[in-house]
């Protein structure tokens, strides 16, 4: 699943959860106990699904971060002087940008 598709699904689920919770909160005394129980059940279900989805996404992000860090480590070990040059260039650019402010 692509990153854009995953983030779109998460946004949709969070919107759905927010809508459900708003519906529960706005429907105070004008609804029957049965309808309120039904809305609470729907809100709990949406909350559980969203938490599970966010947990899965967090795990994927952590795994991807570890893989990128490992790849960067391998690159730096194989190309130490290139890495020093890149680091120096980034430092110079940041220094120039920060002194302009």
PDB file of N, CA and C in Angstrom:
ATOM      1  N   UNK A   1       0.853  -1.171   0.000  1.00  0.00           N
ATOM      2  CA  UNK A   1       0.000   0.000   0.000  1.00  0.00           C
ATOM      3  C   UNK A   1       0.896   1.229   0.000  1.00  0.00           C
ATOM      4  N   UNK A   2       0.618   2.193  -0.831  1.00  0.00           N
ATOM      5  CA  UNK A   2       1.465   3.366  -0.924  1.00  0.00           C
ATOM      6  C   UNK A   2       1.249   4.279   0.268  1.00  0.00           C
ATOM      7  N   UNK A   3       2.219   5.154   0.456  1.00  0.00           N
ATOM      8  CA  UNK A   3       2.181   6.088   1.581  1.00  0.00           C
ATOM      9  C   UNK A   3       0.985   7.029   1.484  1.00  0.00           C
ATOM     10  N   UNK A   4       0.694   7.522   0.272  1.00  0.00           N
ATOM     11  CA  UNK A   4      -0.437   8.429   0.078  1.00  0.00           C
ATOM     12  C   UNK A   4      -1.758   7.741   0.380  1.00  0.00           C
ATOM     13  N   UNK A   5      -1.907   6.505  -0.061  1.00  0.00           N
ATOM     14  CA  UNK A   5      -3.140   5.756   0.177  1.00  0.00           C
ATOM     15  C   UNK A   5      -3.329   5.518   1.666  1.00  0.00           C
ATOM     16  N   UNK A   6      -2.271   5.172   2.361  1.00  0.00           N
ATOM     17  CA  UNK A   6      -2.354   4.935   3.796  1.00  0.00           C
ATOM     18  C   UNK A   6      -2.758   6.203   4.528  1.00  0.00           C
ATOM     19  N   UNK A   7      -2.140   7.316   4.200  1.00  0.00           N
ATOM     20  CA  UNK A   7      -2.479   8.564   4.884  1.00  0.00           C
ATOM     21  C   UNK A   7      -3.905   9.003   4.548  1.00  0.00           C
ATOM     22  N   UNK A   8      -4.353   8.732   3.330  1.00  0.00           N
ATOM     23  CA  UNK A   8      -5.738   9.060   2.973  1.00  0.00           C
ATOM     24  C   UNK A   8      -6.718   8.228   3.794  1.00  0.00           C
ATOM     25  N   UNK A   9      -6.419   6.945   3.957  1.00  0.00           N
ATOM     26  CA  UNK A   9      -7.278   6.070   4.767  1.00  0.00           C
ATOM     27  C   UNK A   9      -7.318   6.539   6.215  1.00  0.00           C
ATOM     28  N   UNK A  10      -6.152   6.920   6.749  1.00  0.00           N
ATOM     29  CA  UNK A  10      -6.112   7.395   8.128  1.00  0.00           C
ATOM     30  C   UNK A  10      -6.916   8.678   8.292  1.00  0.00           C
ATOM     31  N   UNK A  11      -6.769   9.583   7.345  1.00  0.00           N
ATOM     32  CA  UNK A  11      -7.551  10.827   7.409  1.00  0.00           C
ATOM     33  C   UNK A  11      -9.041  10.534   7.364  1.00  0.00           C
ATOM     34  N   UNK A  12      -9.444   9.631   6.476  1.00  0.00           N
ATOM     35  CA  UNK A  12     -10.859   9.287   6.372  1.00  0.00           C
ATOM     36  C   UNK A  12     -11.367   8.658   7.663  1.00  0.00           C
ATOM     37  N   UNK A  13     -10.570   7.786   8.259  1.00  0.00           N
ATOM     38  CA  UNK A  13     -10.991   7.150   9.509  1.00  0.00           C
ATOM     39  C   UNK A  13     -11.075   8.162  10.642  1.00  0.00           C
ATOM     40  N   UNK A  14     -10.116   9.084  10.702  1.00  0.00           N
ATOM     41  CA  UNK A  14     -10.160  10.112  11.746  1.00  0.00           C
ATOM     42  C   UNK A  14     -11.361  11.033  11.556  1.00  0.00           C
ATOM     43  N   UNK A  15     -11.675  11.368  10.305  1.00  0.00           N
ATOM     44  CA  UNK A  15     -12.879  12.177  10.045  1.00  0.00           C
ATOM     45  C   UNK A  15     -14.129  11.428  10.473  1.00  0.00           C
ATOM     46  N   UNK A  16     -14.196  10.141  10.147  1.00  0.00           N
ATOM     47  CA  UNK A  16     -15.331   9.315  10.532  1.00  0.00           C
ATOM     48  C   UNK A  16     -15.463   9.252  12.054  1.00  0.00           C
ATOM     49  N   UNK A  17     -14.353   9.078  12.739  1.00  0.00           N
ATOM     50  CA  UNK A  17     -14.369   9.040  14.197  1.00  0.00           C
ATOM     51  C   UNK A  17     -14.839  10.369  14.772  1.00  0.00           C
ATOM     52  N   UNK A  18     -14.314  11.460  14.240  1.00  0.00           N
ATOM     53  CA  UNK A  18     -14.724  12.781  14.724  1.00  0.00           C
ATOM     54  C   UNK A  18     -16.208  13.018  14.483  1.00  0.00           C
ATOM     55  N   UNK A  19     -16.705  12.644  13.316  1.00  0.00           N
ATOM     56  CA  UNK A  19     -18.132  12.803  13.022  1.00  0.00           C
ATOM     57  C   UNK A  19     -18.991  11.992  13.980  1.00  0.00           C
ATOM     58  N   UNK A  20     -18.578  10.766  14.239  1.00  0.00           N
ATOM     59  CA  UNK A  20     -19.335   9.910  15.152  1.00  0.00           C
ATOM     60  C   UNK A  20     -19.340  10.486  16.563  1.00  0.00           C
ATOM     61  N   UNK A  21     -18.178  10.948  17.011  1.00  0.00           N
ATOM     62  CA  UNK A  21     -18.109  11.522  18.352  1.00  0.00           C
ATOM     63  C   UNK A  21     -18.929  12.805  18.454  1.00  0.00           C
ATOM     64  N   UNK A  22     -18.905  13.628  17.413  1.00  0.00           N
ATOM     65  CA  UNK A  22     -19.735  14.838  17.406  1.00  0.00           C
ATOM     66  C   UNK A  22     -21.212  14.475  17.491  1.00  0.00           C
ATOM     67  N   UNK A  23     -21.589  13.433  16.767  1.00  0.00           N
ATOM     68  CA  UNK A  23     -22.983  12.997  16.782  1.00  0.00           C
ATOM     69  C   UNK A  23     -23.390  12.531  18.177  1.00  0.00           C
ATOM     70  N   UNK A  24     -22.509  11.800  18.836  1.00  0.00           N
ATOM     71  CA  UNK A  24     -22.797  11.325  20.190  1.00  0.00           C
ATOM     72  C   UNK A  24     -22.914  12.511  21.147  1.00  0.00           C
ATOM     73  N   UNK A  25     -21.989  13.449  21.046  1.00  0.00           N
ATOM     74  CA  UNK A  25     -21.997  14.585  21.968  1.00  0.00           C
ATOM     75  C   UNK A  25     -23.162  15.531  21.725  1.00  0.00           C
ATOM     76  N   UNK A  26     -23.551  15.707  20.476  1.00  0.00           N
ATOM     77  CA  UNK A  26     -24.627  16.658  20.172  1.00  0.00           C
ATOM     78  C   UNK A  26     -26.007  16.083  20.418  1.00  0.00           C
ATOM     79  N   UNK A  27     -26.105  14.777  20.517  1.00  0.00           N
ATOM     80  CA  UNK A  27     -27.415  14.159  20.694  1.00  0.00           C
ATOM     81  C   UNK A  27     -27.668  13.892  22.170  1.00  0.00           C
ATOM     82  N   UNK A  28     -27.801  14.916  22.928  1.00  0.00           N
ATOM     83  CA  UNK A  28     -28.006  14.806  24.367  1.00  0.00           C
ATOM     84  C   UNK A  28     -29.289  14.100  24.730  1.00  0.00           C
ATOM     85  N   UNK A  29     -30.252  14.820  25.201  1.00  0.00           N
ATOM     86  CA  UNK A  29     -31.474  14.223  25.743  1.00  0.00           C
ATOM     87  C   UNK A  29     -32.553  14.017  24.688  1.00  0.00           C
ATOM     88  N   UNK A  30     -32.309  14.443  23.467  1.00  0.00           N
ATOM     89  CA  UNK A  30     -33.349  14.322  22.443  1.00  0.00           C
ATOM     90  C   UNK A  30     -33.401  12.936  21.800  1.00  0.00           C
ATOM     91  N   UNK A  31     -32.586  12.003  22.253  1.00  0.00           N
ATOM     92  CA  UNK A  31     -32.585  10.653  21.699  1.00  0.00           C
ATOM     93  C   UNK A  31     -32.918   9.649  22.793  1.00  0.00           C
ATOM     94  N   UNK A  32     -33.395   8.521  22.373  1.00  0.00           N
ATOM     95  CA  UNK A  32     -33.730   7.469  23.328  1.00  0.00           C
ATOM     96  C   UNK A  32     -32.463   6.777  23.815  1.00  0.00           C
ATOM     97  N   UNK A  33     -32.577   6.043  24.898  1.00  0.00           N
ATOM     98  CA  UNK A  33     -31.434   5.326  25.454  1.00  0.00           C
ATOM     99  C   UNK A  33     -30.900   4.307  24.452  1.00  0.00           C
ATOM    100  N   UNK A  34     -31.782   3.653  23.739  1.00  0.00           N
ATOM    101  CA  UNK A  34     -31.364   2.678  22.737  1.00  0.00           C
ATOM    102  C   UNK A  34     -30.517   3.344  21.658  1.00  0.00           C
ATOM    103  N   UNK A  35     -30.957   4.497  21.162  1.00  0.00           N
ATOM    104  CA  UNK A  35     -30.209   5.193  20.109  1.00  0.00           C
ATOM    105  C   UNK A  35     -28.862   5.674  20.638  1.00  0.00           C
ATOM    106  N   UNK A  36     -28.834   6.167  21.878  1.00  0.00           N
ATOM    107  CA  UNK A  36     -27.566   6.614  22.454  1.00  0.00           C
ATOM    108  C   UNK A  36     -26.598   5.440  22.638  1.00  0.00           C
ATOM    109  N   UNK A  37     -27.117   4.299  23.087  1.00  0.00           N
ATOM    110  CA  UNK A  37     -26.262   3.116  23.221  1.00  0.00           C
ATOM    111  C   UNK A  37     -25.704   2.683  21.873  1.00  0.00           C
ATOM    112  N   UNK A  38     -26.542   2.779  20.866  1.00  0.00           N
ATOM    113  CA  UNK A  38     -26.121   2.418  19.505  1.00  0.00           C
ATOM    114  C   UNK A  38     -25.014   3.369  19.020  1.00  0.00           C
ATOM    115  N   UNK A  39     -25.180   4.677  19.280  1.00  0.00           N
ATOM    116  CA  UNK A  39     -24.164   5.657  18.886  1.00  0.00           C
ATOM    117  C   UNK A  39     -22.860   5.444  19.665  1.00  0.00           C
ATOM    118  N   UNK A  40     -22.983   5.161  20.954  1.00  0.00           N
ATOM    119  CA  UNK A  40     -21.782   4.904  21.761  1.00  0.00           C
ATOM    120  C   UNK A  40     -21.040   3.679  21.241  1.00  0.00           C
ATOM    121  N   UNK A  41     -21.783   2.662  20.898  1.00  0.00           N
ATOM    122  CA  UNK A  41     -21.170   1.452  20.361  1.00  0.00           C
ATOM    123  C   UNK A  41     -20.443   1.752  19.048  1.00  0.00           C
ATOM    124  N   UNK A  42     -21.082   2.541  18.203  1.00  0.00           N
ATOM    125  CA  UNK A  42     -20.473   2.929  16.929  1.00  0.00           C
ATOM    126  C   UNK A  42     -19.198   3.739  17.177  1.00  0.00           C
ATOM    127  N   UNK A  43     -19.239   4.671  18.140  1.00  0.00           N
ATOM    128  CA  UNK A  43     -18.072   5.495  18.460  1.00  0.00           C
ATOM    129  C   UNK A  43     -16.938   4.628  19.009  1.00  0.00           C
ATOM    130  N   UNK A  44     -17.271   3.694  19.902  1.00  0.00           N
ATOM    131  CA  UNK A  44     -16.243   2.801  20.458  1.00  0.00           C
ATOM    132  C   UNK A  44     -15.599   1.957  19.366  1.00  0.00           C
ATOM    133  N   UNK A  45     -16.405   1.454  18.461  1.00  0.00           N
ATOM    134  CA  UNK A  45     -15.896   0.647  17.363  1.00  0.00           C
ATOM    135  C   UNK A  45     -14.957   1.472  16.477  1.00  0.00           C
ATOM    136  N   UNK A  46     -15.384   2.687  16.137  1.00  0.00           N
ATOM    137  CA  UNK A  46     -14.554   3.556  15.298  1.00  0.00           C
ATOM    138  C   UNK A  46     -13.252   3.905  16.008  1.00  0.00           C
ATOM    139  N   UNK A  47     -13.330   4.141  17.310  1.00  0.00           N
ATOM    140  CA  UNK A  47     -12.133   4.470  18.076  1.00  0.00           C
ATOM    141  C   UNK A  47     -11.158   3.291  18.111  1.00  0.00           C
ATOM    142  N   UNK A  48     -11.656   2.091  18.330  1.00  0.00           N
ATOM    143  CA  UNK A  48     -10.796   0.906  18.347  1.00  0.00           C
ATOM    144  C   UNK A  48     -10.126   0.694  16.993  1.00  0.00           C
ATOM    145  N   UNK A  49     -10.900   0.835  15.922  1.00  0.00           N
ATOM    146  CA  UNK A  49     -10.334   0.642  14.583  1.00  0.00           C
ATOM    147  C   UNK A  49      -9.269   1.688  14.273  1.00  0.00           C
ATOM    148  N   UNK A  50      -9.539   2.930  14.649  1.00  0.00           N
ATOM    149  CA  UNK A  50      -8.585   4.004  14.384  1.00  0.00           C
ATOM    150  C   UNK A  50      -7.306   3.799  15.183  1.00  0.00           C
ATOM    151  N   UNK A  51      -7.439   3.422  16.449  1.00  0.00           N
ATOM    152  CA  UNK A  51      -6.244   3.154  17.264  1.00  0.00           C
ATOM    153  C   UNK A  51      -5.416   2.026  16.668  1.00  0.00           C
ATOM    154  N   UNK A  52      -6.077   0.975  16.230  1.00  0.00           N
ATOM    155  CA  UNK A  52      -5.353  -0.149  15.629  1.00  0.00           C
ATOM    156  C   UNK A  52      -4.635   0.291  14.364  1.00  0.00           C
ATOM    157  N   UNK A  53      -5.318   1.060  13.541  1.00  0.00           N
ATOM    158  CA  UNK A  53      -4.740   1.541  12.291  1.00  0.00           C
ATOM    159  C   UNK A  53      -3.543   2.448  12.559  1.00  0.00           C
ATOM    160  N   UNK A  54      -3.673   3.350  13.548  1.00  0.00           N
ATOM    161  CA  UNK A  54      -2.568   4.244  13.887  1.00  0.00           C
ATOM    162  C   UNK A  54      -1.390   3.460  14.453  1.00  0.00           C
ATOM    163  N   UNK A  55      -1.676   2.433  15.237  1.00  0.00           N
ATOM    164  CA  UNK A  55      -0.602   1.593  15.767  1.00  0.00           C
ATOM    165  C   UNK A  55       0.151   0.895  14.661  1.00  0.00           C
ATOM    166  N   UNK A  56      -0.577   0.365  13.683  1.00  0.00           N
ATOM    167  CA  UNK A  56       0.058  -0.296  12.544  1.00  0.00           C
ATOM    168  C   UNK A  56       0.908   0.689  11.754  1.00  0.00           C
ATOM    169  N   UNK A  57       0.390   1.891  11.552  1.00  0.00           N
ATOM    170  CA  UNK A  57       1.138   2.898  10.799  1.00  0.00           C
ATOM    171  C   UNK A  57       2.403   3.290  11.541  1.00  0.00           C
ATOM    172  N   UNK A  58       2.304   3.410  12.860  1.00  0.00           N
ATOM    173  CA  UNK A  58       3.480   3.751  13.661  1.00  0.00           C
ATOM    174  C   UNK A  58       4.561   2.701  13.538  1.00  0.00           C
ATOM    175  N   UNK A  59       4.158   1.445  13.548  1.00  0.00           N
ATOM    176  CA  UNK A  59       5.120   0.357  13.397  1.00  0.00           C
ATOM    177  C   UNK A  59       5.798   0.411  12.032  1.00  0.00           C
ATOM    178  N   UNK A  60       5.008   0.670  10.992  1.00  0.00           N
ATOM    179  CA  UNK A  60       5.587   0.752   9.636  1.00  0.00           C
ATOM    180  C   UNK A  60       6.551   1.926   9.531  1.00  0.00           C
ATOM    181  N   UNK A  61       6.196   3.055  10.119  1.00  0.00           N
ATOM    182  CA  UNK A  61       7.076   4.229  10.073  1.00  0.00           C
ATOM    183  C   UNK A  61       8.379   3.940  10.810  1.00  0.00           C
ATOM    184  N   UNK A  62       8.281   3.304  11.970  1.00  0.00           N
ATOM    185  CA  UNK A  62       9.484   2.962  12.735  1.00  0.00           C
ATOM    186  C   UNK A  62      10.368   1.998  11.946  1.00  0.00           C
ATOM    187  N   UNK A  63       9.765   1.018  11.321  1.00  0.00           N
ATOM    188  CA  UNK A  63      10.529   0.046  10.529  1.00  0.00           C
ATOM    189  C   UNK A  63      11.220   0.727   9.350  1.00  0.00           C
ATOM    190  N   UNK A  64      10.488   1.596   8.658  1.00  0.00           N
ATOM    191  CA  UNK A  64      11.071   2.318   7.525  1.00  0.00           C
ATOM    192  C   UNK A  64      12.215   3.209   7.988  1.00  0.00           C
ATOM    193  N   UNK A  65      12.053   3.864   9.125  1.00  0.00           N
ATOM    194  CA  UNK A  65      13.116   4.725   9.666  1.00  0.00           C
ATOM    195  C   UNK A  65      14.365   3.908   9.983  1.00  0.00           C
ATOM    196  N   UNK A  66      14.178   2.744  10.577  1.00  0.00           N
ATOM    197  CA  UNK A  66      15.332   1.881  10.878  1.00  0.00           C
ATOM    198  C   UNK A  66      16.045   1.451   9.597  1.00  0.00           C
ATOM    199  N   UNK A  67      15.268   1.113   8.569  1.00  0.00           N
ATOM    200  CA  UNK A  67      15.874   0.687   7.300  1.00  0.00           C
ATOM    201  C   UNK A  67      16.661   1.823   6.659  1.00  0.00           C
ATOM    202  N   UNK A  68      16.100   3.028   6.682  1.00  0.00           N
ATOM    203  CA  UNK A  68      16.797   4.182   6.099  1.00  0.00           C
ATOM    204  C   UNK A  68      18.070   4.475   6.877  1.00  0.00           C
ATOM    205  N   UNK A  69      18.011   4.405   8.202  1.00  0.00           N
ATOM    206  CA  UNK A  69      19.205   4.645   9.017  1.00  0.00           C
ATOM    207  C   UNK A  69      20.276   3.598   8.731  1.00  0.00           C
ATOM    208  N   UNK A  70      19.866   2.355   8.567  1.00  0.00           N
ATOM    209  CA  UNK A  70      20.818   1.289   8.240  1.00  0.00           C
ATOM    210  C   UNK A  70      21.464   1.533   6.874  1.00  0.00           C
ATOM    211  N   UNK A  71      20.665   1.949   5.901  1.00  0.00           N
ATOM    212  CA  UNK A  71      21.199   2.231   4.563  1.00  0.00           C
ATOM    213  C   UNK A  71      22.166   3.416   4.610  1.00  0.00           C
ATOM    214  N   UNK A  72      21.826   4.435   5.391  1.00  0.00           N
ATOM    215  CA  UNK A  72      22.718   5.592   5.522  1.00  0.00           C
ATOM    216  C   UNK A  72      24.027   5.172   6.173  1.00  0.00           C
ATOM    217  N   UNK A  73      23.957   4.312   7.170  1.00  0.00           N
ATOM    218  CA  UNK A  73      25.162   3.828   7.844  1.00  0.00           C
ATOM    219  C   UNK A  73      26.057   3.072   6.874  1.00  0.00           C
ATOM    220  N   UNK A  74      25.454   2.216   6.074  1.00  0.00           N
ATOM    221  CA  UNK A  74      26.224   1.450   5.086  1.00  0.00           C
ATOM    222  C   UNK A  74      26.877   2.402   4.082  1.00  0.00           C
ATOM    223  N   UNK A  75      26.124   3.396   3.611  1.00  0.00           N
ATOM    224  CA  UNK A  75      26.662   4.346   2.634  1.00  0.00           C
ATOM    225  C   UNK A  75      27.849   5.110   3.215  1.00  0.00           C
ATOM    226  N   UNK A  76      27.699   5.573   4.462  1.00  0.00           N
ATOM    227  CA  UNK A  76      28.775   6.351   5.090  1.00  0.00           C
ATOM    228  C   UNK A  76      30.012   5.479   5.277  1.00  0.00           C
ATOM    229  N   UNK A  77      29.828   4.225   5.659  1.00  0.00           N
ATOM    230  CA  UNK A  77      30.979   3.337   5.836  1.00  0.00           C
ATOM    231  C   UNK A  77      31.671   3.029   4.501  1.00  0.00           C
ATOM    232  N   UNK A  78      30.909   2.933   3.424  1.00  0.00           N
ATOM    233  CA  UNK A  78      31.491   2.640   2.114  1.00  0.00           C
ATOM    234  C   UNK A  78      32.080   3.878   1.440  1.00  0.00           C
ATOM    235  N   UNK A  79      31.562   5.050   1.763  1.00  0.00           N
ATOM    236  CA  UNK A  79      31.994   6.302   1.122  1.00  0.00           C
ATOM    237  C   UNK A  79      32.263   7.373   2.180  1.00  0.00           C
ATOM    238  N   UNK A  80      33.291   7.192   3.007  1.00  0.00           N
ATOM    239  CA  UNK A  80      33.494   8.145   4.104  1.00  0.00           C
ATOM    240  C   UNK A  80      33.821   9.564   3.635  1.00  0.00           C
ATOM    241  N   UNK A  81      34.638   9.708   2.612  1.00  0.00           N
ATOM    242  CA  UNK A  81      35.029  11.057   2.192  1.00  0.00           C
ATOM    243  C   UNK A  81      33.885  11.776   1.489  1.00  0.00           C
ATOM    244  N   UNK A  82      33.105  11.047   0.752  1.00  0.00           N
ATOM    245  CA  UNK A  82      31.929  11.655   0.130  1.00  0.00           C
ATOM    246  C   UNK A  82      30.962  12.125   1.211  1.00  0.00           C
ATOM    247  N   UNK A  83      30.800  11.335   2.240  1.00  0.00           N
ATOM    248  CA  UNK A  83      29.907  11.700   3.343  1.00  0.00           C
ATOM    249  C   UNK A  83      30.411  12.934   4.073  1.00  0.00           C
ATOM    250  N   UNK A  84      31.722  13.028   4.279  1.00  0.00           N
ATOM    251  CA  UNK A  84      32.298  14.214   4.923  1.00  0.00           C
ATOM    252  C   UNK A  84      32.047  15.437   4.052  1.00  0.00           C
ATOM    253  N   UNK A  85      32.218  15.290   2.744  1.00  0.00           N
ATOM    254  CA  UNK A  85      31.980  16.410   1.828  1.00  0.00           C
ATOM    255  C   UNK A  85      30.526  16.856   1.835  1.00  0.00           C
ATOM    256  N   UNK A  86      29.624  15.904   1.830  1.00  0.00           N
ATOM    257  CA  UNK A  86      28.193  16.239   1.870  1.00  0.00           C
ATOM    258  C   UNK A  86      27.857  16.940   3.183  1.00  0.00           C
ATOM    259  N   UNK A  87      28.388  16.428   4.284  1.00  0.00           N
ATOM    260  CA  UNK A  87      28.143  17.051   5.593  1.00  0.00           C
ATOM    261  C   UNK A  87      28.684  18.471   5.645  1.00  0.00           C
ATOM    262  N   UNK A  88      29.865  18.675   5.092  1.00  0.00           N
ATOM    263  CA  UNK A  88      30.458  20.016   5.083  1.00  0.00           C
ATOM    264  C   UNK A  88      29.628  20.964   4.221  1.00  0.00           C
ATOM    265  N   UNK A  89      29.188  20.499   3.064  1.00  0.00           N
ATOM    266  CA  UNK A  89      28.376  21.346   2.180  1.00  0.00           C
ATOM    267  C   UNK A  89      27.060  21.727   2.852  1.00  0.00           C
ATOM    268  N   UNK A  90      26.425  20.773   3.499  1.00  0.00           N
ATOM    269  CA  UNK A  90      25.176  21.069   4.204  1.00  0.00           C
ATOM    270  C   UNK A  90      25.441  22.072   5.322  1.00  0.00           C
ATOM    271  N   UNK A  91      26.540  21.908   6.034  1.00  0.00           N
ATOM    272  CA  UNK A  91      26.894  22.842   7.109  1.00  0.00           C
ATOM    273  C   UNK A  91      27.113  24.255   6.597  1.00  0.00           C
ATOM    274  N   UNK A  92      27.790  24.382   5.467  1.00  0.00           N
ATOM    275  CA  UNK A  92      28.023  25.707   4.877  1.00  0.00           C
ATOM    276  C   UNK A  92      26.707  26.347   4.454  1.00  0.00           C
ATOM    277  N   UNK A  93      25.849  25.589   3.790  1.00  0.00           N
ATOM    278  CA  UNK A  93      24.568  26.128   3.341  1.00  0.00           C
ATOM    279  C   UNK A  93      23.724  26.556   4.537  1.00  0.00           C
ATOM    280  N   UNK A  94      23.654  25.733   5.566  1.00  0.00           N
ATOM    281  CA  UNK A  94      22.883  26.109   6.758  1.00  0.00           C
ATOM    282  C   UNK A  94      23.488  27.333   7.438  1.00  0.00           C
ATOM    283  N   UNK A  95      24.813  27.394   7.501  1.00  0.00           N
ATOM    284  CA  UNK A  95      25.469  28.554   8.085  1.00  0.00           C
ATOM    285  C   UNK A  95      25.142  29.844   7.351  1.00  0.00           C
ATOM    286  N   UNK A  96      25.162  29.780   6.026  1.00  0.00           N
ATOM    287  CA  UNK A  96      24.826  30.960   5.215  1.00  0.00           C
ATOM    288  C   UNK A  96      23.368  31.361   5.428  1.00  0.00           C
ATOM    289  N   UNK A  97      22.487  30.393   5.422  1.00  0.00           N
ATOM    290  CA  UNK A  97      21.061  30.695   5.602  1.00  0.00           C
ATOM    291  C   UNK A  97      20.761  31.260   6.984  1.00  0.00           C
ATOM    292  N   UNK A  98      21.414  30.730   8.008  1.00  0.00           N
ATOM    293  CA  UNK A  98      21.155  31.191   9.367  1.00  0.00           C
ATOM    294  C   UNK A  98      21.752  32.557   9.648  1.00  0.00           C
ATOM    295  N   UNK A  99      22.872  32.900   9.001  1.00  0.00           N
ATOM    296  CA  UNK A  99      23.471  34.224   9.244  1.00  0.00           C
ATOM    297  C   UNK A  99      22.723  35.312   8.498  1.00  0.00           C
ATOM    298  N   UNK A 100      21.937  34.984   7.495  1.00  0.00           N
ATOM    299  CA  UNK A 100      21.152  35.978   6.765  1.00  0.00           C
ATOM    300  C   UNK A 100      19.996  36.510   7.582  1.00  0.00           C
ATOM    301  N   UNK A 101      19.540  35.733   8.528  1.00  0.00           N
ATOM    302  CA  UNK A 101      18.392  36.164   9.341  1.00  0.00           C
ATOM    303  C   UNK A 101      18.861  37.195  10.265  1.00  0.00           C
TER     304      UNK A 101
END
